[in-house]
Amino acid sequence: MATVLPKAVKVWMGANARIEPDGTVVLFEKDVYTAQELWHNSVTRIDLVSGVH
């Protein structure tokens, strides 16, 4: 049986991404990013992120 996702849904396989009530994002159960950190380090396009080509 195939799973159908809407086009707008983006999935990071294995990331177990979750957003805490205070805006903190947790990936892979160990990478923690505060809302303030994400806000101050945000960029307008994904290709501006370091390491993304």
PDB file of N, CA and C in Angstrom:
ATOM      1  N   MET A   1       0.843  -1.177   0.000  1.00  0.00           N
ATOM      2  CA  MET A   1       0.000   0.000   0.000  1.00  0.00           C
ATOM      3  C   MET A   1       0.889   1.241   0.000  1.00  0.00           C
ATOM      4  N   ALA A   2       0.642   2.172  -0.872  1.00  0.00           N
ATOM      5  CA  ALA A   2       1.422   3.397  -0.982  1.00  0.00           C
ATOM      6  C   ALA A   2       0.820   4.493  -0.109  1.00  0.00           C
ATOM      7  N   THR A   3       1.695   5.341   0.420  1.00  0.00           N
ATOM      8  CA  THR A   3       1.254   6.494   1.194  1.00  0.00           C
ATOM      9  C   THR A   3       1.280   7.707   0.280  1.00  0.00           C
ATOM     10  N   VAL A   4       0.205   8.437   0.247  1.00  0.00           N
ATOM     11  CA  VAL A   4       0.119   9.623  -0.595  1.00  0.00           C
ATOM     12  C   VAL A   4       0.165  10.858   0.290  1.00  0.00           C
ATOM     13  N   LEU A   5       1.136  11.738   0.018  1.00  0.00           N
ATOM     14  CA  LEU A   5       1.260  12.980   0.767  1.00  0.00           C
ATOM     15  C   LEU A   5       0.930  14.160  -0.134  1.00  0.00           C
ATOM     16  N   PRO A   6       0.287  15.184   0.401  1.00  0.00           N
ATOM     17  CA  PRO A   6       0.045  16.389  -0.402  1.00  0.00           C
ATOM     18  C   PRO A   6       1.368  16.984  -0.864  1.00  0.00           C
ATOM     19  N   LYS A   7       1.355  17.673  -2.002  1.00  0.00           N
ATOM     20  CA  LYS A   7       2.579  18.252  -2.549  1.00  0.00           C
ATOM     21  C   LYS A   7       3.287  19.190  -1.586  1.00  0.00           C
ATOM     22  N   ALA A   8       2.571  19.901  -0.762  1.00  0.00           N
ATOM     23  CA  ALA A   8       3.175  20.899   0.123  1.00  0.00           C
ATOM     24  C   ALA A   8       3.896  20.278   1.316  1.00  0.00           C
ATOM     25  N   VAL A   9       3.730  18.990   1.547  1.00  0.00           N
ATOM     26  CA  VAL A   9       4.341  18.336   2.703  1.00  0.00           C
ATOM     27  C   VAL A   9       5.791  17.986   2.390  1.00  0.00           C
ATOM     28  N   LYS A  10       6.703  18.371   3.277  1.00  0.00           N
ATOM     29  CA  LYS A  10       8.115  18.031   3.149  1.00  0.00           C
ATOM     30  C   LYS A  10       8.467  17.074   4.281  1.00  0.00           C
ATOM     31  N   VAL A  11       9.157  16.001   3.982  1.00  0.00           N
ATOM     32  CA  VAL A  11       9.482  14.991   4.976  1.00  0.00           C
ATOM     33  C   VAL A  11      10.989  14.803   5.035  1.00  0.00           C
ATOM     34  N   TRP A  12      11.558  14.861   6.226  1.00  0.00           N
ATOM     35  CA  TRP A  12      12.968  14.540   6.444  1.00  0.00           C
ATOM     36  C   TRP A  12      12.962  13.153   7.051  1.00  0.00           C
ATOM     37  N   MET A  13      13.257  12.149   6.257  1.00  0.00           N
ATOM     38  CA  MET A  13      13.201  10.772   6.716  1.00  0.00           C
ATOM     39  C   MET A  13      14.139  10.564   7.905  1.00  0.00           C
ATOM     40  N   GLY A  14      13.610  10.045   8.983  1.00  0.00           N
ATOM     41  CA  GLY A  14      14.400   9.730  10.156  1.00  0.00           C
ATOM     42  C   GLY A  14      14.693  10.890  11.079  1.00  0.00           C
ATOM     43  N   ALA A  15      14.287  12.082  10.711  1.00  0.00           N
ATOM     44  CA  ALA A  15      14.615  13.259  11.512  1.00  0.00           C
ATOM     45  C   ALA A  15      13.776  13.337  12.786  1.00  0.00           C
ATOM     46  N   ASN A  16      12.580  12.736  12.791  1.00  0.00           N
ATOM     47  CA  ASN A  16      11.675  12.848  13.938  1.00  0.00           C
ATOM     48  C   ASN A  16      11.552  14.301  14.390  1.00  0.00           C
ATOM     49  N   ALA A  17      11.365  15.185  13.436  1.00  0.00           N
ATOM     50  CA  ALA A  17      11.286  16.620  13.742  1.00  0.00           C
ATOM     51  C   ALA A  17      10.080  16.910  14.621  1.00  0.00           C
ATOM     52  N   ARG A  18      10.301  17.736  15.631  1.00  0.00           N
ATOM     53  CA  ARG A  18       9.181  18.187  16.454  1.00  0.00           C
ATOM     54  C   ARG A  18       9.430  19.633  16.875  1.00  0.00           C
ATOM     55  N   ILE A  19       8.343  20.336  17.076  1.00  0.00           N
ATOM     56  CA  ILE A  19       8.406  21.727  17.524  1.00  0.00           C
ATOM     57  C   ILE A  19       7.792  21.775  18.915  1.00  0.00           C
ATOM     58  N   GLU A  20       8.583  22.231  19.866  1.00  0.00           N
ATOM     59  CA  GLU A  20       8.130  22.341  21.254  1.00  0.00           C
ATOM     60  C   GLU A  20       7.215  23.560  21.403  1.00  0.00           C
ATOM     61  N   PRO A  21       6.423  23.625  22.468  1.00  0.00           N
ATOM     62  CA  PRO A  21       5.528  24.767  22.687  1.00  0.00           C
ATOM     63  C   PRO A  21       6.233  26.122  22.697  1.00  0.00           C
ATOM     64  N   ASP A  22       7.516  26.163  23.115  1.00  0.00           N
ATOM     65  CA  ASP A  22       8.249  27.433  23.148  1.00  0.00           C
ATOM     66  C   ASP A  22       8.903  27.779  21.804  1.00  0.00           C
ATOM     67  N   GLY A  23       8.668  26.958  20.766  1.00  0.00           N
ATOM     68  CA  GLY A  23       9.222  27.233  19.445  1.00  0.00           C
ATOM     69  C   GLY A  23      10.537  26.522  19.163  1.00  0.00           C
ATOM     70  N   THR A  24      11.078  25.814  20.149  1.00  0.00           N
ATOM     71  CA  THR A  24      12.311  25.064  19.957  1.00  0.00           C
ATOM     72  C   THR A  24      12.055  23.915  18.986  1.00  0.00           C
ATOM     73  N   VAL A  25      12.985  23.721  18.034  1.00  0.00           N
ATOM     74  CA  VAL A  25      12.889  22.624  17.074  1.00  0.00           C
ATOM     75  C   VAL A  25      13.907  21.560  17.455  1.00  0.00           C
ATOM     76  N   VAL A  26      13.456  20.300  17.498  1.00  0.00           N
ATOM     77  CA  VAL A  26      14.332  19.178  17.835  1.00  0.00           C
ATOM     78  C   VAL A  26      14.351  18.224  16.641  1.00  0.00           C
ATOM     79  N   LEU A  27      15.558  17.904  16.145  1.00  0.00           N
ATOM     80  CA  LEU A  27      15.739  16.960  15.043  1.00  0.00           C
ATOM     81  C   LEU A  27      16.598  15.804  15.510  1.00  0.00           C
ATOM     82  N   PHE A  28      16.288  14.616  15.051  1.00  0.00           N
ATOM     83  CA  PHE A  28      17.066  13.419  15.370  1.00  0.00           C
ATOM     84  C   PHE A  28      17.206  13.193  16.881  1.00  0.00           C
ATOM     85  N   GLU A  29      16.255  13.713  17.667  1.00  0.00           N
ATOM     86  CA  GLU A  29      16.228  13.542  19.124  1.00  0.00           C
ATOM     87  C   GLU A  29      17.419  14.154  19.858  1.00  0.00           C
ATOM     88  N   LYS A  30      18.345  14.815  19.142  1.00  0.00           N
ATOM     89  CA  LYS A  30      19.512  15.386  19.832  1.00  0.00           C
ATOM     90  C   LYS A  30      19.903  16.776  19.339  1.00  0.00           C
ATOM     91  N   ASP A  31      19.517  17.142  18.118  1.00  0.00           N
ATOM     92  CA  ASP A  31      19.847  18.465  17.592  1.00  0.00           C
ATOM     93  C   ASP A  31      18.744  19.440  17.989  1.00  0.00           C
ATOM     94  N   VAL A  32      19.088  20.415  18.839  1.00  0.00           N
ATOM     95  CA  VAL A  32      18.098  21.333  19.402  1.00  0.00           C
ATOM     96  C   VAL A  32      18.401  22.756  18.926  1.00  0.00           C
ATOM     97  N   TYR A  33      17.376  23.419  18.399  1.00  0.00           N
ATOM     98  CA  TYR A  33      17.504  24.784  17.899  1.00  0.00           C
ATOM     99  C   TYR A  33      16.417  25.639  18.528  1.00  0.00           C
ATOM    100  N   THR A  34      16.823  26.681  19.241  1.00  0.00           N
ATOM    101  CA  THR A  34      15.835  27.557  19.881  1.00  0.00           C
ATOM    102  C   THR A  34      15.159  28.435  18.833  1.00  0.00           C
ATOM    103  N   ALA A  35      13.987  28.941  19.184  1.00  0.00           N
ATOM    104  CA  ALA A  35      13.269  29.838  18.279  1.00  0.00           C
ATOM    105  C   ALA A  35      14.110  31.077  17.978  1.00  0.00           C
ATOM    106  N   GLN A  36      14.807  31.595  18.987  1.00  0.00           N
ATOM    107  CA  GLN A  36      15.641  32.781  18.789  1.00  0.00           C
ATOM    108  C   GLN A  36      16.794  32.477  17.826  1.00  0.00           C
ATOM    109  N   GLU A  37      17.423  31.316  17.997  1.00  0.00           N
ATOM    110  CA  GLU A  37      18.523  30.912  17.119  1.00  0.00           C
ATOM    111  C   GLU A  37      18.034  30.783  15.672  1.00  0.00           C
ATOM    112  N   LEU A  38      16.903  30.159  15.483  1.00  0.00           N
ATOM    113  CA  LEU A  38      16.354  29.998  14.135  1.00  0.00           C
ATOM    114  C   LEU A  38      15.992  31.350  13.522  1.00  0.00           C
ATOM    115  N   TRP A  39      15.431  32.243  14.320  1.00  0.00           N
ATOM    116  CA  TRP A  39      15.044  33.566  13.823  1.00  0.00           C
ATOM    117  C   TRP A  39      16.271  34.368  13.406  1.00  0.00           C
ATOM    118  N   HIS A  40      17.283  34.396  14.236  1.00  0.00           N
ATOM    119  CA  HIS A  40      18.460  35.218  13.960  1.00  0.00           C
ATOM    120  C   HIS A  40      19.380  34.627  12.903  1.00  0.00           C
ATOM    121  N   ASN A  41      19.298  33.324  12.656  1.00  0.00           N
ATOM    122  CA  ASN A  41      20.139  32.676  11.649  1.00  0.00           C
ATOM    123  C   ASN A  41      19.361  32.287  10.398  1.00  0.00           C
ATOM    124  N   SER A  42      18.171  32.825  10.239  1.00  0.00           N
ATOM    125  CA  SER A  42      17.347  32.453   9.086  1.00  0.00           C
ATOM    126  C   SER A  42      17.840  33.133   7.808  1.00  0.00           C
ATOM    127  N   VAL A  43      17.523  32.523   6.680  1.00  0.00           N
ATOM    128  CA  VAL A  43      17.862  33.065   5.364  1.00  0.00           C
ATOM    129  C   VAL A  43      16.608  33.018   4.495  1.00  0.00           C
ATOM    130  N   THR A  44      16.635  33.761   3.399  1.00  0.00           N
ATOM    131  CA  THR A  44      15.454  33.837   2.543  1.00  0.00           C
ATOM    132  C   THR A  44      15.361  32.696   1.540  1.00  0.00           C
ATOM    133  N   ARG A  45      16.502  32.035   1.267  1.00  0.00           N
ATOM    134  CA  ARG A  45      16.505  30.938   0.295  1.00  0.00           C
ATOM    135  C   ARG A  45      17.391  29.800   0.808  1.00  0.00           C
ATOM    136  N   ILE A  46      16.998  28.557   0.513  1.00  0.00           N
ATOM    137  CA  ILE A  46      17.737  27.398   1.007  1.00  0.00           C
ATOM    138  C   ILE A  46      19.166  27.364   0.464  1.00  0.00           C
ATOM    139  N   ASP A  47      19.396  27.880  -0.726  1.00  0.00           N
ATOM    140  CA  ASP A  47      20.747  27.829  -1.298  1.00  0.00           C
ATOM    141  C   ASP A  47      21.719  28.793  -0.596  1.00  0.00           C
ATOM    142  N   LEU A  48      21.213  29.620   0.292  1.00  0.00           N
ATOM    143  CA  LEU A  48      22.082  30.518   1.074  1.00  0.00           C
ATOM    144  C   LEU A  48      22.571  29.865   2.363  1.00  0.00           C
ATOM    145  N   VAL A  49      22.071  28.667   2.665  1.00  0.00           N
ATOM    146  CA  VAL A  49      22.475  27.948   3.865  1.00  0.00           C
ATOM    147  C   VAL A  49      23.850  27.330   3.624  1.00  0.00           C
ATOM    148  N   SER A  50      24.736  27.464   4.592  1.00  0.00           N
ATOM    149  CA  SER A  50      26.083  26.899   4.471  1.00  0.00           C
ATOM    150  C   SER A  50      26.004  25.394   4.246  1.00  0.00           C
ATOM    151  N   GLY A  51      26.742  24.910   3.257  1.00  0.00           N
ATOM    152  CA  GLY A  51      26.801  23.481   2.987  1.00  0.00           C
ATOM    153  C   GLY A  51      25.737  22.984   2.017  1.00  0.00           C
ATOM    154  N   VAL A  52      24.818  23.838   1.603  1.00  0.00           N
ATOM    155  CA  VAL A  52      23.791  23.441   0.639  1.00  0.00           C
ATOM    156  C   VAL A  52      24.193  23.962  -0.724  1.00  0.00           C
ATOM    157  N   HIS A  53      24.197  23.057  -1.697  1.00  0.00           N
ATOM    158  CA  HIS A  53      24.599  23.448  -3.066  1.00  0.00           C
ATOM    159  C   HIS A  53      23.463  23.285  -4.023  1.00  0.00           C
TER     160      HIS A  53
END
